[in-house]
C-alpha cells in the first residue's frame, strides 16, 4: 500500500493520475496546504521542502523498509520503475520521456505557478510580473503544441511525461491562455481529460477538498502559502 500525502493541486493530481492508470492500491493522506498541514513535523520528516505531494511506499519492490519520496517528478519516476508502466525500457525512448519530465518540473510548472500567483493571488496586481508570466506560459504552450504536431503524446506513447504536464494545462483560463490557439495541444489535452483514470483522479478533488472551487480566499491562507521564510523548516 502507498500513502499519498496529497492536496488537489496540479502537482497532487499527477500522482493520483498515475496510480489510477496502473490500479496501484493507495491511501490518501490529506495535506491541507491552506491550513498549514505541510509544516507539521510528521510531514516534514517525509517532505523536508514542506511541499506536497509526497509518498510512503510500504511495500517497495525490494521488500525492504518503506520508501519515502517527495517532489512529484521523483515520485513518478519511482512509481514508473516500481510498476514497469508508462516508462519505456529502451534507453532512447526512456530519456525522451525523462527530458519532458524535467521540462515540466523546470519550466511549465514553475512558470504557470507564477502566472497563477501574480494573476490570481497577489494582493497587488503588478503589470510587469503578470505580463512576464502570461507570455512565458504562452511560449511554453507553443512548445507543447509544436511537439505534439506529429505525435499523439509527448514521447510517442502515453507516459509519465504527459501526466506531469496535463494538470498544469487544466487551468488554462486562469493562466490567461486560449487553448484553441494551440490545436495540437488541445487535441492532446482532450484525449487525456477523457481517460477514465484521469476522470477518477480528478473526482478526488470534491472528496478531499469540497471547497476547491472557492480557491484561496482568506488572508491567513495566503500568509501560510506565500509568506514563508527559513523559520518554517527549523
Protein backbone atom coordinates (compact mmCIF):
# COMPACT_ATOMS: atom_id res chain seq x y z
CA UNK A 1 0.00 0.00 0.00
CA UNK A 2 1.17 3.51 -0.81
CA UNK A 3 0.30 6.52 1.34
CA UNK A 4 -0.14 9.61 -0.83
CA UNK A 5 0.25 12.87 1.07
CA UNK A 6 -1.95 14.93 -1.19
CA UNK A 7 -4.00 18.02 -1.84
CA UNK A 8 -5.89 18.54 -5.13
CA UNK A 9 -3.42 20.82 -6.89
CA UNK A 10 -1.71 20.27 -10.25
CA UNK A 11 1.22 18.51 -8.57
CA UNK A 12 -1.10 16.37 -6.48
CA UNK A 13 -3.15 15.31 -9.49
CA UNK A 14 -0.05 13.97 -11.26
CA UNK A 15 0.33 11.23 -8.66
CA UNK A 16 -3.29 10.14 -8.50
CA UNK A 17 -3.48 10.06 -12.30
CA UNK A 18 -0.62 7.54 -12.38
CA UNK A 19 -1.98 5.41 -9.54
CA UNK A 20 -5.42 5.29 -11.14
CA UNK A 21 -3.93 4.35 -14.53
CA UNK A 22 -1.99 1.44 -13.03
CA UNK A 23 -4.55 0.28 -10.47
CA UNK A 24 -1.93 0.60 -7.74
CA UNK A 25 -3.52 0.50 -4.25
CA UNK A 26 -3.11 3.76 -2.35
CA UNK A 27 -4.45 5.69 0.58
CA UNK A 28 -4.93 9.46 0.52
CA UNK A 29 -3.45 11.38 3.44
CA UNK A 30 -4.84 14.92 3.08
CA UNK A 31 -2.36 17.79 3.45
CA UNK A 32 -4.47 20.92 3.72
CA UNK A 33 -1.99 23.49 2.46
CA UNK A 34 -4.31 26.39 3.27
CA UNK A 35 -4.26 25.43 6.95
CA UNK A 36 -0.53 24.71 7.15
CA UNK A 37 -0.52 20.90 7.31
CA UNK A 38 2.64 20.95 5.19
CA UNK A 39 4.58 22.37 8.15
CA UNK A 40 3.65 19.66 10.63
CA UNK A 41 6.69 17.75 11.98
CA UNK A 42 5.48 14.34 10.80
CA UNK A 43 5.05 15.60 7.25
CA UNK A 44 8.41 17.39 7.26
CA UNK A 45 10.09 14.07 8.04
CA UNK A 46 8.88 12.83 4.66
CA UNK A 47 8.97 16.10 2.72
CA UNK A 48 11.67 18.43 4.08
CA UNK A 49 10.78 21.09 1.49
CA UNK A 50 7.35 21.40 3.15
CA UNK A 51 5.55 20.89 -0.14
CA UNK A 52 3.16 18.15 -1.18
CA UNK A 53 2.84 15.65 -2.76
CA UNK A 54 4.90 13.02 -1.04
CA UNK A 55 4.52 9.26 -0.80
CA UNK A 56 5.40 6.44 1.53
CA UNK A 57 5.58 3.05 -0.20
CA UNK A 58 5.12 0.42 2.49
CA UNK A 59 5.79 -2.44 0.07
CA UNK A 60 8.72 -1.41 -2.13
CA UNK A 61 9.97 -3.63 -4.89
CA UNK A 62 12.96 -4.89 -2.90
CA UNK A 63 10.84 -5.95 0.06
CA UNK A 64 12.83 -3.75 2.41
CA UNK A 65 11.94 -0.80 4.61
CA UNK A 66 9.30 1.71 3.44
CA UNK A 67 10.43 4.19 0.79
CA UNK A 68 9.65 7.87 1.37
CA UNK A 69 9.78 10.29 -1.57
CA UNK A 70 8.93 13.95 -2.10
CA UNK A 71 8.84 16.00 -5.35
CA UNK A 72 6.28 14.93 -7.95
CA UNK A 73 8.87 14.21 -10.66
CA UNK A 74 10.85 11.90 -8.40
CA UNK A 75 7.63 10.21 -7.28
CA UNK A 76 6.51 9.45 -10.83
CA UNK A 77 9.94 8.18 -11.84
CA UNK A 78 9.87 5.88 -8.81
CA UNK A 79 6.33 4.64 -9.50
CA UNK A 80 7.11 4.02 -13.18
CA UNK A 81 10.11 1.93 -12.17
CA UNK A 82 8.16 0.09 -9.48
CA UNK A 83 5.27 -0.84 -11.77
CA UNK A 84 7.13 -1.11 -15.07
CA UNK A 85 4.49 1.09 -16.68
CA UNK A 86 4.42 4.41 -18.55
CA UNK A 87 8.21 4.49 -18.91
CA UNK A 88 9.96 2.75 -21.83
CA UNK A 89 12.85 0.37 -21.21
CA UNK A 90 14.66 1.36 -24.43
CA UNK A 91 17.29 3.94 -23.49
CA UNK A 92 16.44 6.45 -26.23
CA UNK A 93 12.72 6.30 -25.59
CA UNK A 94 13.31 6.34 -21.85
CA UNK A 95 15.28 9.57 -21.95
CA UNK A 96 12.79 11.07 -24.34
CA UNK A 97 10.27 10.70 -21.51
CA UNK A 98 12.70 11.87 -18.83
CA UNK A 99 13.64 15.06 -20.64
CA UNK A 100 9.97 16.07 -20.85
CA UNK A 101 9.53 15.26 -17.16
CA UNK A 102 12.42 17.63 -16.42
CA UNK A 103 10.98 20.22 -18.82
CA UNK A 104 7.76 20.28 -16.87
CA UNK A 105 9.49 20.42 -13.49
CA UNK A 106 11.82 23.22 -14.54
CA UNK A 107 9.57 25.13 -16.91
CA UNK A 108 5.83 24.64 -17.26
CA UNK A 109 5.10 24.09 -13.56
CA UNK A 110 7.12 26.99 -12.11
CA UNK A 111 6.16 29.46 -14.83
CA UNK A 112 2.45 28.61 -14.78
CA UNK A 113 2.62 28.69 -10.98
CA UNK A 114 4.00 32.24 -11.02
CA UNK A 115 1.32 33.10 -13.57
CA UNK A 116 -1.34 31.91 -11.09
CA UNK A 117 0.29 33.82 -8.26
CA UNK A 118 0.53 37.23 -9.88
CA UNK A 119 -2.73 36.91 -11.84
CA UNK A 120 -4.90 35.50 -9.06
CA UNK A 121 -3.37 35.57 -5.60
CA UNK A 122 -1.05 38.58 -5.35
CA UNK A 123 -2.63 41.38 -3.28
CA UNK A 124 -1.09 43.93 -5.62
CA UNK A 125 -1.51 43.49 -9.37
CA UNK A 126 1.90 44.13 -10.91
CA UNK A 127 1.54 44.57 -14.69
CA UNK A 128 5.17 43.69 -15.43
CA UNK A 129 5.01 40.42 -13.47
CA UNK A 130 1.64 39.44 -14.95
CA UNK A 131 2.82 40.19 -18.49
CA UNK A 132 6.08 38.32 -17.93
CA UNK A 133 4.48 35.07 -16.77
CA UNK A 134 1.47 35.15 -19.09
CA UNK A 135 3.85 35.47 -22.05
CA UNK A 136 6.17 32.74 -20.77
CA UNK A 137 3.24 30.40 -20.22
CA UNK A 138 2.14 31.17 -23.76
CA UNK A 139 5.62 30.31 -25.06
CA UNK A 140 5.58 27.00 -23.19
CA UNK A 141 2.15 26.16 -24.61
CA UNK A 142 3.70 26.80 -28.01
CA UNK A 143 6.49 24.34 -27.21
CA UNK A 144 3.91 21.69 -26.32
CA UNK A 145 1.85 22.43 -29.40
CA UNK A 146 4.83 22.08 -31.73
CA UNK A 147 5.98 18.88 -30.04
CA UNK A 148 2.52 17.35 -30.41
CA UNK A 149 2.13 18.27 -34.08
CA UNK A 150 3.41 14.88 -35.27
CA UNK A 151 2.82 12.56 -32.34
CA UNK A 152 -0.09 11.54 -30.14
CA UNK A 153 1.67 12.12 -26.83
CA UNK A 154 4.84 13.90 -25.73
CA UNK A 155 7.12 10.91 -26.08
CA UNK A 156 5.05 8.86 -28.52
CA UNK A 157 3.10 6.53 -26.23
CA UNK A 158 1.23 7.85 -23.20
CA UNK A 159 3.73 8.20 -20.36
CA UNK A 160 4.55 9.95 -17.11
CA UNK A 161 5.67 12.94 -19.22
CA UNK A 162 2.06 13.53 -20.19
CA UNK A 163 0.82 13.02 -16.63
CA UNK A 164 3.33 15.63 -15.48
CA UNK A 165 2.22 18.33 -17.91
CA UNK A 166 -1.53 17.81 -18.22
CA UNK A 167 -2.52 19.14 -14.75
CA UNK A 168 -0.68 22.40 -15.43
CA UNK A 169 -2.71 22.96 -18.60
CA UNK A 170 -6.07 22.26 -16.91
CA UNK A 171 -6.22 25.84 -15.50
CA UNK A 172 -5.53 27.43 -18.93
CA UNK A 173 -8.22 30.08 -18.45
CA UNK A 174 -6.69 31.16 -15.15
CA UNK A 175 -3.36 31.45 -16.95
CA UNK A 176 -4.90 33.90 -19.47
CA UNK A 177 -4.44 31.44 -22.32
CA UNK A 178 -6.75 30.33 -25.13
CA UNK A 179 -6.29 26.62 -25.72
CA UNK A 180 -7.98 26.96 -29.12
CA UNK A 181 -4.88 28.84 -30.29
CA UNK A 182 -2.96 25.55 -29.91
CA UNK A 183 -4.81 22.85 -31.90
CA UNK A 184 -2.33 20.02 -31.29
CA UNK A 185 -2.17 20.81 -27.58
CA UNK A 186 -5.98 20.96 -27.45
CA UNK A 187 -6.28 17.53 -29.09
CA UNK A 188 -3.77 16.07 -26.59
CA UNK A 189 -5.49 17.78 -23.67
CA UNK A 190 -8.92 16.46 -24.61
CA UNK A 191 -7.59 12.92 -25.09
CA UNK A 192 -6.08 12.87 -21.59
CA UNK A 193 -9.09 14.55 -19.98
CA UNK A 194 -11.34 11.76 -21.29
CA UNK A 195 -9.23 8.89 -19.97
CA UNK A 196 -11.17 7.07 -17.23
CA UNK A 197 -8.16 7.21 -14.89
CA UNK A 198 -7.96 10.98 -15.28
CA UNK A 199 -11.66 11.32 -14.52
CA UNK A 200 -11.27 9.21 -11.36
CA UNK A 201 -8.21 11.15 -10.23
CA UNK A 202 -9.94 14.50 -10.57
CA UNK A 203 -13.06 13.23 -8.81
CA UNK A 204 -10.94 13.09 -5.66
CA UNK A 205 -10.97 16.88 -5.57
CA UNK A 206 -14.55 17.05 -4.32
CA UNK A 207 -13.94 14.29 -1.77
CA UNK A 208 -10.76 15.76 -0.32
CA UNK A 209 -11.46 19.48 -0.66
CA UNK A 210 -15.12 20.28 -1.32
CA UNK A 211 -14.26 24.00 -1.27
CA UNK A 212 -11.65 23.74 -4.04
CA UNK A 213 -13.71 25.86 -6.42
CA UNK A 214 -13.65 28.75 -3.95
CA UNK A 215 -9.86 28.88 -4.02
CA UNK A 216 -7.57 30.64 -1.56
CA UNK A 217 -9.73 33.42 -0.18
CA UNK A 218 -8.54 34.28 3.31
CA UNK A 219 -5.57 36.43 4.30
CA UNK A 220 -4.50 33.71 6.74
CA UNK A 221 -4.32 31.10 3.98
CA UNK A 222 -2.34 33.48 1.76
CA UNK A 223 0.06 34.15 4.63
CA UNK A 224 0.57 30.41 5.16
CA UNK A 225 1.15 29.74 1.46
CA UNK A 226 3.09 32.81 0.39
CA UNK A 227 4.70 34.28 3.49
CA UNK A 228 7.24 31.59 4.34
CA UNK A 229 10.83 32.08 5.41
CA UNK A 230 13.53 29.70 6.63
CA UNK A 231 11.84 29.74 10.02
CA UNK A 232 9.24 27.23 8.88
CA UNK A 233 11.82 24.47 8.42
CA UNK A 234 13.84 24.99 11.60
